[in-house]
Amino acid sequence: FDPASAQKLGRMLGAKYFFTGKITGNDEKLNKMRRVQYSLFLQVTEVENGLIHFQDQVDRSKAIER
């Protein structure tokens, strides 16, 4: 994500904000247990000035007995 390119593209499209994010996951196995971890990152950036209006990350983990 290049902020300078994002501003140019956003102006061409008439957009006011860019929403960017990332989802990651990890799966671990140990004996009869399996643990799954997920992470979601979200960011809202104003196109005109590059100001970040919102940014948050949420992590979830769950153990599953096999």
C-alpha atoms as a PDB file:
ATOM      1  CA  PHE A   1       0.000   0.000   0.000  1.00  0.00           C
ATOM      2  CA  ASP A   2       1.608   3.210  -1.208  1.00  0.00           C
ATOM      3  CA  PRO A   3      -0.113   6.314   0.259  1.00  0.00           C
ATOM      4  CA  ALA A   4       1.030   8.584  -2.594  1.00  0.00           C
ATOM      5  CA  SER A   5      -0.387   6.246  -5.239  1.00  0.00           C
ATOM      6  CA  ALA A   6      -3.536   5.752  -3.176  1.00  0.00           C
ATOM      7  CA  GLN A   7      -4.188   9.503  -3.096  1.00  0.00           C
ATOM      8  CA  LYS A   8      -3.807   9.780  -6.873  1.00  0.00           C
ATOM      9  CA  LEU A   9      -6.008   6.757  -7.560  1.00  0.00           C
ATOM     10  CA  GLY A  10      -8.601   7.849  -5.004  1.00  0.00           C
ATOM     11  CA  ARG A  11      -8.940  11.270  -6.602  1.00  0.00           C
ATOM     12  CA  MET A  12      -9.331   9.687 -10.048  1.00  0.00           C
ATOM     13  CA  LEU A  13     -12.108   7.435  -8.720  1.00  0.00           C
ATOM     14  CA  GLY A  14     -13.763  10.156  -6.648  1.00  0.00           C
ATOM     15  CA  ALA A  15     -13.268   8.165  -3.441  1.00  0.00           C
ATOM     16  CA  LYS A  16     -13.073   9.882  -0.066  1.00  0.00           C
ATOM     17  CA  TYR A  17     -11.719   6.935   1.973  1.00  0.00           C
ATOM     18  CA  PHE A  18      -9.656   3.804   1.446  1.00  0.00           C
ATOM     19  CA  PHE A  19     -10.419   0.691   3.461  1.00  0.00           C
ATOM     20  CA  THR A  20      -7.468  -1.666   3.795  1.00  0.00           C
ATOM     21  CA  GLY A  21      -6.996  -4.751   5.880  1.00  0.00           C
ATOM     22  CA  LYS A  22      -5.420  -8.100   6.388  1.00  0.00           C
ATOM     23  CA  ILE A  23      -6.616 -11.486   7.653  1.00  0.00           C
ATOM     24  CA  THR A  24      -4.092 -14.018   8.926  1.00  0.00           C
ATOM     25  CA  GLY A  25      -4.481 -17.465  10.409  1.00  0.00           C
ATOM     26  CA  ASN A  26      -2.386 -20.012  12.234  1.00  0.00           C
ATOM     27  CA  ASP A  27      -3.157 -23.656  12.993  1.00  0.00           C
ATOM     28  CA  GLU A  28      -1.213 -25.606  15.634  1.00  0.00           C
ATOM     29  CA  LYS A  29      -1.549 -29.304  16.486  1.00  0.00           C
ATOM     30  CA  LEU A  30      -0.326 -30.856  19.735  1.00  0.00           C
ATOM     31  CA  ASN A  31      -1.270 -34.411  20.721  1.00  0.00           C
ATOM     32  CA  LYS A  32      -5.083 -34.522  20.645  1.00  0.00           C
ATOM     33  CA  MET A  33      -5.578 -30.743  20.693  1.00  0.00           C
ATOM     34  CA  ARG A  34      -5.752 -28.358  17.773  1.00  0.00           C
ATOM     35  CA  ARG A  35      -5.536 -24.589  18.284  1.00  0.00           C
ATOM     36  CA  VAL A  36      -6.700 -22.187  15.583  1.00  0.00           C
ATOM     37  CA  GLN A  37      -5.780 -18.485  15.745  1.00  0.00           C
ATOM     38  CA  TYR A  38      -7.105 -15.740  13.474  1.00  0.00           C
ATOM     39  CA  SER A  39      -6.230 -12.067  13.297  1.00  0.00           C
ATOM     40  CA  LEU A  40      -8.105  -9.280  11.469  1.00  0.00           C
ATOM     41  CA  PHE A  41      -6.558  -5.837  10.887  1.00  0.00           C
ATOM     42  CA  LEU A  42      -8.632  -2.964   9.424  1.00  0.00           C
ATOM     43  CA  GLN A  43      -7.650   0.608   8.590  1.00  0.00           C
ATOM     44  CA  VAL A  44      -9.671   3.516   7.152  1.00  0.00           C
ATOM     45  CA  THR A  45      -7.586   6.268   5.519  1.00  0.00           C
ATOM     46  CA  GLU A  46      -8.776   9.571   4.065  1.00  0.00           C
ATOM     47  CA  VAL A  47      -7.691   9.826   0.429  1.00  0.00           C
ATOM     48  CA  GLU A  48      -7.092  13.576   0.281  1.00  0.00           C
ATOM     49  CA  ASN A  49      -4.598  13.911   3.144  1.00  0.00           C
ATOM     50  CA  GLY A  50      -3.635  10.350   4.152  1.00  0.00           C
ATOM     51  CA  LEU A  51      -5.097  10.810   7.651  1.00  0.00           C
ATOM     52  CA  ILE A  52      -5.958   7.513   9.374  1.00  0.00           C
ATOM     53  CA  HIS A  53      -9.515   7.777  10.742  1.00  0.00           C
ATOM     54  CA  PHE A  54      -9.827   4.278  12.167  1.00  0.00           C
ATOM     55  CA  GLN A  55      -7.464   1.406  12.854  1.00  0.00           C
ATOM     56  CA  ASP A  56      -8.067  -1.763  14.848  1.00  0.00           C
ATOM     57  CA  GLN A  57      -6.862  -5.330  15.179  1.00  0.00           C
ATOM     58  CA  VAL A  58      -8.871  -8.234  16.577  1.00  0.00           C
ATOM     59  CA  ASP A  59      -7.399 -11.626  17.491  1.00  0.00           C
ATOM     60  CA  ARG A  60      -9.361 -14.819  18.101  1.00  0.00           C
ATOM     61  CA  SER A  61      -8.133 -18.189  19.320  1.00  0.00           C
ATOM     62  CA  LYS A  62      -9.983 -21.467  19.721  1.00  0.00           C
ATOM     63  CA  ALA A  63      -8.826 -24.865  21.017  1.00  0.00           C
ATOM     64  CA  ILE A  64     -10.469 -27.943  19.518  1.00  0.00           C
ATOM     65  CA  GLU A  65     -10.152 -31.423  21.002  1.00  0.00           C
ATOM     66  CA  ARG A  66      -9.737 -34.084  18.348  1.00  0.00           C
END
